[in-house]
């Protein structure tokens, strides 16, 4: 909402009028006093008090603007024309970039996008009073990547089950590895583990072997040959 100019016999009266018009208490208004007014002399030269007033931005809106501004500054610095839309997504700030250079912003396997997200999170949480995690996306890349990696996870699990041997992914970022782990967390026939060093590590999918020890097999076999009337199992009288 744009600012409003309001007059009253006094500053207090002008503020009261502003509260009534905007249906907001005074502590939720941005108030700039333009003039305190004057009672004049013997009623001559009387001037009303004048204020300019507007609703204060909520903390949530301020947080969105701060995060958006940080990302826009980065995009301007690397000279990629783009627009940024900021929204709350549960307790996270989501910044969506619209640009003709989305391929450059995403980078190989999303590495440029991940790096940009890391930098914006660091800068925002160092400056902002309200801490938040920021997700940066462009052209719905993250959802498309999630779907592709979920398919990779299912294929790895299928290979592991059929061959009864571990199946290994290509090197992945921490964000991508998490998608693989989550995709298979409810599959009791496999288990997953990250392997390697550094930022790019592989995910290994192991088949879960059915545990049937030789002792259990021996016990079942022994029980089946034992006569109910002969504890020794020999059957001799």
C-alpha atoms as a PDB file:
ATOM      1  CA  UNK A   1       0.000   0.000   0.000  1.00  0.00           C
ATOM      2  CA  UNK A   2       1.305   3.475  -0.885  1.00  0.00           C
ATOM      3  CA  UNK A   3       1.836   6.110   1.778  1.00  0.00           C
ATOM      4  CA  UNK A   4      -1.031   8.389   2.824  1.00  0.00           C
ATOM      5  CA  UNK A   5      -0.878  12.027   3.886  1.00  0.00           C
ATOM      6  CA  UNK A   6      -3.121  12.753   6.858  1.00  0.00           C
ATOM      7  CA  UNK A   7      -3.810  15.973   8.747  1.00  0.00           C
ATOM      8  CA  UNK A   8      -5.155  16.683  12.228  1.00  0.00           C
ATOM      9  CA  UNK A   9      -5.297  19.437  14.818  1.00  0.00           C
ATOM     10  CA  UNK A  10      -2.313  17.730  16.438  1.00  0.00           C
ATOM     11  CA  UNK A  11       0.125  14.958  15.542  1.00  0.00           C
ATOM     12  CA  UNK A  12      -1.667  12.687  18.003  1.00  0.00           C
ATOM     13  CA  UNK A  13      -5.009  13.330  16.320  1.00  0.00           C
ATOM     14  CA  UNK A  14      -3.516  12.709  12.866  1.00  0.00           C
ATOM     15  CA  UNK A  15      -2.060   9.384  14.054  1.00  0.00           C
ATOM     16  CA  UNK A  16      -5.407   8.395  15.565  1.00  0.00           C
ATOM     17  CA  UNK A  17      -7.124   9.185  12.253  1.00  0.00           C
ATOM     18  CA  UNK A  18      -4.509   7.080  10.398  1.00  0.00           C
ATOM     19  CA  UNK A  19      -5.121   4.122  12.712  1.00  0.00           C
ATOM     20  CA  UNK A  20      -8.857   4.323  12.062  1.00  0.00           C
ATOM     21  CA  UNK A  21      -8.496   4.582   8.282  1.00  0.00           C
ATOM     22  CA  UNK A  22      -5.994   1.721   8.017  1.00  0.00           C
ATOM     23  CA  UNK A  23      -7.523  -0.390  10.804  1.00  0.00           C
ATOM     24  CA  UNK A  24      -4.073  -0.845  12.321  1.00  0.00           C
ATOM     25  CA  UNK A  25      -2.525   0.082  15.684  1.00  0.00           C
ATOM     26  CA  UNK A  26       0.102   2.820  15.699  1.00  0.00           C
ATOM     27  CA  UNK A  27       2.965   0.366  16.331  1.00  0.00           C
ATOM     28  CA  UNK A  28       2.253  -1.262  12.956  1.00  0.00           C
ATOM     29  CA  UNK A  29       2.535   2.000  11.039  1.00  0.00           C
ATOM     30  CA  UNK A  30       5.497   3.805   9.506  1.00  0.00           C
ATOM     31  CA  UNK A  31       4.924   7.452  10.513  1.00  0.00           C
ATOM     32  CA  UNK A  32       6.769  10.489   9.183  1.00  0.00           C
ATOM     33  CA  UNK A  33       5.867  13.804  10.798  1.00  0.00           C
ATOM     34  CA  UNK A  34       5.797  16.513   8.143  1.00  0.00           C
ATOM     35  CA  UNK A  35       4.497  19.303  10.356  1.00  0.00           C
ATOM     36  CA  UNK A  36       3.534  19.642  14.024  1.00  0.00           C
ATOM     37  CA  UNK A  37       1.016  22.316  13.134  1.00  0.00           C
ATOM     38  CA  UNK A  38       0.435  25.622  14.838  1.00  0.00           C
ATOM     39  CA  UNK A  39      -2.383  27.073  16.915  1.00  0.00           C
ATOM     40  CA  UNK A  40      -1.587  30.563  15.655  1.00  0.00           C
ATOM     41  CA  UNK A  41      -2.313  33.712  17.630  1.00  0.00           C
ATOM     42  CA  UNK A  42      -5.877  34.311  18.770  1.00  0.00           C
ATOM     43  CA  UNK A  43      -6.938  31.660  16.282  1.00  0.00           C
ATOM     44  CA  UNK A  44      -5.270  33.412  13.393  1.00  0.00           C
ATOM     45  CA  UNK A  45      -2.744  31.487  11.302  1.00  0.00           C
ATOM     46  CA  UNK A  46      -3.791  28.071  12.587  1.00  0.00           C
ATOM     47  CA  UNK A  47      -2.155  25.189  10.715  1.00  0.00           C
ATOM     48  CA  UNK A  48      -2.964  21.508  11.033  1.00  0.00           C
ATOM     49  CA  UNK A  49      -0.364  18.889  11.892  1.00  0.00           C
ATOM     50  CA  UNK A  50       0.542  16.721   8.939  1.00  0.00           C
ATOM     51  CA  UNK A  51       1.936  13.189   8.786  1.00  0.00           C
ATOM     52  CA  UNK A  52       2.762  10.663   6.067  1.00  0.00           C
ATOM     53  CA  UNK A  53       1.841   7.141   7.061  1.00  0.00           C
ATOM     54  CA  UNK A  54       1.986   3.629   5.600  1.00  0.00           C
ATOM     55  CA  UNK A  55       1.697   0.092   7.031  1.00  0.00           C
ATOM     56  CA  UNK A  56       4.967  -1.439   8.207  1.00  0.00           C
ATOM     57  CA  UNK A  57       6.177  -4.370   6.168  1.00  0.00           C
ATOM     58  CA  UNK A  58       5.762  -7.640   8.010  1.00  0.00           C
ATOM     59  CA  UNK A  59       8.893  -9.532   9.001  1.00  0.00           C
ATOM     60  CA  UNK A  60       8.063 -12.187   6.430  1.00  0.00           C
ATOM     61  CA  UNK A  61       7.857  -9.677   3.583  1.00  0.00           C
ATOM     62  CA  UNK A  62      11.064  -8.015   4.710  1.00  0.00           C
ATOM     63  CA  UNK A  63      12.845 -11.379   4.719  1.00  0.00           C
ATOM     64  CA  UNK A  64      11.668 -12.096   1.189  1.00  0.00           C
ATOM     65  CA  UNK A  65      12.888  -8.716  -0.024  1.00  0.00           C
ATOM     66  CA  UNK A  66      16.286  -9.177   1.633  1.00  0.00           C
ATOM     67  CA  UNK A  67      16.829 -12.609   0.093  1.00  0.00           C
ATOM     68  CA  UNK A  68      15.611 -11.433  -3.302  1.00  0.00           C
ATOM     69  CA  UNK A  69      17.913  -8.401  -3.272  1.00  0.00           C
ATOM     70  CA  UNK A  70      20.977 -10.533  -2.461  1.00  0.00           C
ATOM     71  CA  UNK A  71      20.291 -12.868  -5.384  1.00  0.00           C
ATOM     72  CA  UNK A  72      19.516 -10.006  -7.776  1.00  0.00           C
ATOM     73  CA  UNK A  73      22.840  -8.362  -6.908  1.00  0.00           C
ATOM     74  CA  UNK A  74      24.687 -11.592  -7.695  1.00  0.00           C
ATOM     75  CA  UNK A  75      22.871 -11.962 -11.017  1.00  0.00           C
ATOM     76  CA  UNK A  76      23.665  -8.355 -11.926  1.00  0.00           C
ATOM     77  CA  UNK A  77      27.318  -8.912 -11.060  1.00  0.00           C
ATOM     78  CA  UNK A  78      27.608 -11.899 -13.425  1.00  0.00           C
ATOM     79  CA  UNK A  79      25.643  -9.931 -16.039  1.00  0.00           C
ATOM     80  CA  UNK A  80      22.815 -12.399 -16.610  1.00  0.00           C
ATOM     81  CA  UNK A  81      19.495 -10.589 -17.266  1.00  0.00           C
ATOM     82  CA  UNK A  82      16.906 -12.182 -15.004  1.00  0.00           C
ATOM     83  CA  UNK A  83      13.908 -11.548 -12.789  1.00  0.00           C
ATOM     84  CA  UNK A  84      13.489 -13.093  -9.348  1.00  0.00           C
ATOM     85  CA  UNK A  85      10.254 -14.045  -7.617  1.00  0.00           C
ATOM     86  CA  UNK A  86      10.359 -14.648  -3.854  1.00  0.00           C
ATOM     87  CA  UNK A  87       7.832 -16.687  -1.865  1.00  0.00           C
ATOM     88  CA  UNK A  88       7.585 -18.552   1.408  1.00  0.00           C
ATOM     89  CA  UNK A  89       7.434 -22.338   1.038  1.00  0.00           C
ATOM     90  CA  UNK A  90       6.582 -23.715   4.483  1.00  0.00           C
ATOM     91  CA  UNK A  91       9.453 -22.330   6.607  1.00  0.00           C
ATOM     92  CA  UNK A  92      11.816 -21.787   3.683  1.00  0.00           C
ATOM     93  CA  UNK A  93      12.300 -18.914   1.267  1.00  0.00           C
ATOM     94  CA  UNK A  94      11.991 -19.966  -2.365  1.00  0.00           C
ATOM     95  CA  UNK A  95      13.604 -17.788  -5.029  1.00  0.00           C
ATOM     96  CA  UNK A  96      12.584 -18.571  -8.609  1.00  0.00           C
ATOM     97  CA  UNK A  97      14.726 -17.131 -11.402  1.00  0.00           C
ATOM     98  CA  UNK A  98      13.301 -16.402 -14.847  1.00  0.00           C
ATOM     99  CA  UNK A  99      16.024 -15.931 -17.442  1.00  0.00           C
ATOM    100  CA  UNK A 100      17.081 -16.806 -20.971  1.00  0.00           C
ATOM    101  CA  UNK A 101      20.371 -17.975 -19.472  1.00  0.00           C
ATOM    102  CA  UNK A 102      18.922 -20.720 -17.277  1.00  0.00           C
ATOM    103  CA  UNK A 103      21.386 -23.270 -18.640  1.00  0.00           C
ATOM    104  CA  UNK A 104      24.302 -21.181 -17.412  1.00  0.00           C
ATOM    105  CA  UNK A 105      22.632 -20.650 -14.039  1.00  0.00           C
ATOM    106  CA  UNK A 106      22.042 -24.368 -13.552  1.00  0.00           C
ATOM    107  CA  UNK A 107      25.474 -25.579 -14.646  1.00  0.00           C
ATOM    108  CA  UNK A 108      26.592 -29.192 -14.924  1.00  0.00           C
ATOM    109  CA  UNK A 109      24.257 -31.350 -12.823  1.00  0.00           C
ATOM    110  CA  UNK A 110      23.043 -28.236 -11.035  1.00  0.00           C
ATOM    111  CA  UNK A 111      26.444 -27.375  -9.541  1.00  0.00           C
ATOM    112  CA  UNK A 112      26.231 -23.655 -10.381  1.00  0.00           C
ATOM    113  CA  UNK A 113      22.719 -23.440  -8.929  1.00  0.00           C
ATOM    114  CA  UNK A 114      23.834 -25.255  -5.752  1.00  0.00           C
ATOM    115  CA  UNK A 115      26.823 -22.934  -5.359  1.00  0.00           C
ATOM    116  CA  UNK A 116      24.669 -19.847  -5.822  1.00  0.00           C
ATOM    117  CA  UNK A 117      22.200 -21.175  -3.259  1.00  0.00           C
ATOM    118  CA  UNK A 118      25.022 -21.786  -0.771  1.00  0.00           C
ATOM    119  CA  UNK A 119      26.338 -18.219  -1.165  1.00  0.00           C
ATOM    120  CA  UNK A 120      22.890 -16.614  -0.855  1.00  0.00           C
ATOM    121  CA  UNK A 121      22.130 -18.646   2.289  1.00  0.00           C
ATOM    122  CA  UNK A 122      25.422 -17.570   3.879  1.00  0.00           C
ATOM    123  CA  UNK A 123      24.936 -13.892   3.024  1.00  0.00           C
ATOM    124  CA  UNK A 124      21.269 -13.775   4.008  1.00  0.00           C
ATOM    125  CA  UNK A 125      21.657 -15.507   7.385  1.00  0.00           C
ATOM    126  CA  UNK A 126      24.622 -13.276   8.239  1.00  0.00           C
ATOM    127  CA  UNK A 127      22.592 -10.104   7.640  1.00  0.00           C
ATOM    128  CA  UNK A 128      18.948 -10.935   8.342  1.00  0.00           C
ATOM    129  CA  UNK A 129      17.331 -10.795  11.760  1.00  0.00           C
ATOM    130  CA  UNK A 130      15.015 -13.685  10.878  1.00  0.00           C
ATOM    131  CA  UNK A 131      17.013 -16.763   9.910  1.00  0.00           C
ATOM    132  CA  UNK A 132      15.710 -18.985   7.122  1.00  0.00           C
ATOM    133  CA  UNK A 133      16.827 -21.614   4.626  1.00  0.00           C
ATOM    134  CA  UNK A 134      16.724 -20.452   1.020  1.00  0.00           C
ATOM    135  CA  UNK A 135      15.969 -22.608  -2.006  1.00  0.00           C
ATOM    136  CA  UNK A 136      16.929 -21.231  -5.427  1.00  0.00           C
ATOM    137  CA  UNK A 137      15.367 -22.689  -8.570  1.00  0.00           C
ATOM    138  CA  UNK A 138      14.979 -21.874 -12.242  1.00  0.00           C
ATOM    139  CA  UNK A 139      12.780 -23.432 -14.928  1.00  0.00           C
ATOM    140  CA  UNK A 140      11.529 -25.954 -12.329  1.00  0.00           C
ATOM    141  CA  UNK A 141      14.969 -27.597 -12.471  1.00  0.00           C
ATOM    142  CA  UNK A 142      14.896 -29.034  -8.957  1.00  0.00           C
ATOM    143  CA  UNK A 143      11.662 -30.954  -9.480  1.00  0.00           C
ATOM    144  CA  UNK A 144      12.857 -32.281 -12.841  1.00  0.00           C
ATOM    145  CA  UNK A 145      16.150 -33.326 -11.246  1.00  0.00           C
ATOM    146  CA  UNK A 146      14.308 -35.001  -8.361  1.00  0.00           C
ATOM    147  CA  UNK A 147      12.226 -37.067 -10.761  1.00  0.00           C
ATOM    148  CA  UNK A 148      15.282 -38.092 -12.796  1.00  0.00           C
ATOM    149  CA  UNK A 149      17.251 -39.122  -9.698  1.00  0.00           C
ATOM    150  CA  UNK A 150      14.297 -41.045  -8.294  1.00  0.00           C
ATOM    151  CA  UNK A 151      14.278 -43.050 -11.524  1.00  0.00           C
ATOM    152  CA  UNK A 152      18.038 -43.632 -11.151  1.00  0.00           C
ATOM    153  CA  UNK A 153      17.496 -44.838  -7.580  1.00  0.00           C
ATOM    154  CA  UNK A 154      14.816 -47.330  -8.630  1.00  0.00           C
ATOM    155  CA  UNK A 155      17.037 -48.674 -11.426  1.00  0.00           C
ATOM    156  CA  UNK A 156      19.966 -49.131  -9.017  1.00  0.00           C
ATOM    157  CA  UNK A 157      17.731 -50.972  -6.571  1.00  0.00           C
ATOM    158  CA  UNK A 158      16.403 -53.222  -9.305  1.00  0.00           C
ATOM    159  CA  UNK A 159      19.942 -54.082 -10.466  1.00  0.00           C
ATOM    160  CA  UNK A 160      21.057 -54.812  -6.916  1.00  0.00           C
ATOM    161  CA  UNK A 161      18.127 -57.139  -6.271  1.00  0.00           C
ATOM    162  CA  UNK A 162      18.474 -59.052  -9.538  1.00  0.00           C
ATOM    163  CA  UNK A 163      22.231 -59.507  -9.373  1.00  0.00           C
ATOM    164  CA  UNK A 164      22.438 -59.872  -5.574  1.00  0.00           C
ATOM    165  CA  UNK A 165      25.421 -57.495  -5.836  1.00  0.00           C
ATOM    166  CA  UNK A 166      25.855 -53.806  -4.905  1.00  0.00           C
ATOM    167  CA  UNK A 167      24.966 -51.222  -7.577  1.00  0.00           C
ATOM    168  CA  UNK A 168      26.796 -47.896  -7.604  1.00  0.00           C
ATOM    169  CA  UNK A 169      25.756 -44.478  -8.884  1.00  0.00           C
ATOM    170  CA  UNK A 170      27.947 -41.914 -10.582  1.00  0.00           C
ATOM    171  CA  UNK A 171      29.520 -39.196  -8.356  1.00  0.00           C
ATOM    172  CA  UNK A 172      26.778 -36.952  -6.967  1.00  0.00           C
ATOM    173  CA  UNK A 173      26.469 -33.808  -4.871  1.00  0.00           C
ATOM    174  CA  UNK A 174      25.164 -34.015  -1.312  1.00  0.00           C
ATOM    175  CA  UNK A 175      21.787 -32.676  -2.497  1.00  0.00           C
ATOM    176  CA  UNK A 176      21.501 -35.362  -5.196  1.00  0.00           C
ATOM    177  CA  UNK A 177      22.678 -38.158  -2.886  1.00  0.00           C
ATOM    178  CA  UNK A 178      19.973 -37.226  -0.412  1.00  0.00           C
ATOM    179  CA  UNK A 179      17.339 -37.715  -3.120  1.00  0.00           C
ATOM    180  CA  UNK A 180      18.676 -41.238  -3.821  1.00  0.00           C
ATOM    181  CA  UNK A 181      18.660 -42.150  -0.121  1.00  0.00           C
ATOM    182  CA  UNK A 182      15.130 -40.826   0.397  1.00  0.00           C
ATOM    183  CA  UNK A 183      13.799 -42.577  -2.711  1.00  0.00           C
ATOM    184  CA  UNK A 184      14.872 -45.983  -1.347  1.00  0.00           C
ATOM    185  CA  UNK A 185      14.440 -45.511   2.395  1.00  0.00           C
ATOM    186  CA  UNK A 186      11.199 -47.535   2.511  1.00  0.00           C
ATOM    187  CA  UNK A 187      12.499 -50.405   0.355  1.00  0.00           C
ATOM    188  CA  UNK A 188      13.407 -53.138   2.853  1.00  0.00           C
ATOM    189  CA  UNK A 189      15.118 -55.217   0.194  1.00  0.00           C
ATOM    190  CA  UNK A 190      17.973 -52.756  -0.181  1.00  0.00           C
ATOM    191  CA  UNK A 191      20.067 -50.362   1.870  1.00  0.00           C
ATOM    192  CA  UNK A 192      22.053 -47.336   0.708  1.00  0.00           C
ATOM    193  CA  UNK A 193      25.373 -45.844   1.713  1.00  0.00           C
ATOM    194  CA  UNK A 194      27.461 -42.929   0.445  1.00  0.00           C
ATOM    195  CA  UNK A 195      30.999 -43.837  -0.558  1.00  0.00           C
ATOM    196  CA  UNK A 196      34.073 -41.772  -1.393  1.00  0.00           C
ATOM    197  CA  UNK A 197      35.685 -38.500  -0.362  1.00  0.00           C
ATOM    198  CA  UNK A 198      35.075 -34.869  -1.177  1.00  0.00           C
ATOM    199  CA  UNK A 199      31.916 -33.061  -2.256  1.00  0.00           C
ATOM    200  CA  UNK A 200      31.080 -35.505  -5.061  1.00  0.00           C
ATOM    201  CA  UNK A 201      30.547 -38.998  -3.688  1.00  0.00           C
ATOM    202  CA  UNK A 202      28.800 -42.114  -4.977  1.00  0.00           C
ATOM    203  CA  UNK A 203      25.764 -43.878  -3.574  1.00  0.00           C
ATOM    204  CA  UNK A 204      26.056 -47.641  -3.239  1.00  0.00           C
ATOM    205  CA  UNK A 205      22.836 -49.667  -3.150  1.00  0.00           C
ATOM    206  CA  UNK A 206      23.261 -52.994  -1.358  1.00  0.00           C
ATOM    207  CA  UNK A 207      20.800 -55.891  -1.602  1.00  0.00           C
ATOM    208  CA  UNK A 208      19.627 -57.029   1.818  1.00  0.00           C
ATOM    209  CA  UNK A 209      20.352 -60.753   2.098  1.00  0.00           C
ATOM    210  CA  UNK A 210      17.785 -63.064   3.636  1.00  0.00           C
ATOM    211  CA  UNK A 211      19.444 -64.312   6.776  1.00  0.00           C
ATOM    212  CA  UNK A 212      19.035 -68.056   7.026  1.00  0.00           C
ATOM    213  CA  UNK A 213      21.907 -69.520   8.966  1.00  0.00           C
ATOM    214  CA  UNK A 214      23.075 -73.102   8.630  1.00  0.00           C
ATOM    215  CA  UNK A 215      22.260 -73.581  12.282  1.00  0.00           C
ATOM    216  CA  UNK A 216      18.588 -72.741  11.720  1.00  0.00           C
ATOM    217  CA  UNK A 217      18.422 -75.049   8.715  1.00  0.00           C
ATOM    218  CA  UNK A 218      20.069 -77.814  10.744  1.00  0.00           C
ATOM    219  CA  UNK A 219      17.640 -77.335  13.618  1.00  0.00           C
ATOM    220  CA  UNK A 220      14.616 -77.575  11.345  1.00  0.00           C
ATOM    221  CA  UNK A 221      15.987 -80.683   9.662  1.00  0.00           C
ATOM    222  CA  UNK A 222      16.759 -82.315  13.028  1.00  0.00           C
ATOM    223  CA  UNK A 223      13.269 -81.559  14.345  1.00  0.00           C
ATOM    224  CA  UNK A 224      11.580 -83.101  11.326  1.00  0.00           C
ATOM    225  CA  UNK A 225      13.423 -86.448  11.779  1.00  0.00           C
ATOM    226  CA  UNK A 226      12.769 -86.744  15.533  1.00  0.00           C
ATOM    227  CA  UNK A 227       9.954 -89.083  16.648  1.00  0.00           C
ATOM    228  CA  UNK A 228       7.445 -87.572  19.119  1.00  0.00           C
ATOM    229  CA  UNK A 229       7.728 -90.685  21.357  1.00  0.00           C
ATOM    230  CA  UNK A 230      11.508 -90.989  21.069  1.00  0.00           C
ATOM    231  CA  UNK A 231      13.461 -87.913  22.271  1.00  0.00           C
ATOM    232  CA  UNK A 232      16.622 -89.363  20.784  1.00  0.00           C
ATOM    233  CA  UNK A 233      15.120 -89.491  17.329  1.00  0.00           C
ATOM    234  CA  UNK A 234      16.518 -92.999  16.759  1.00  0.00           C
ATOM    235  CA  UNK A 235      13.109 -94.754  16.737  1.00  0.00           C
ATOM    236  CA  UNK A 236      14.674 -97.871  18.342  1.00  0.00           C
ATOM    237  CA  UNK A 237      12.861 -99.785  21.131  1.00  0.00           C
END
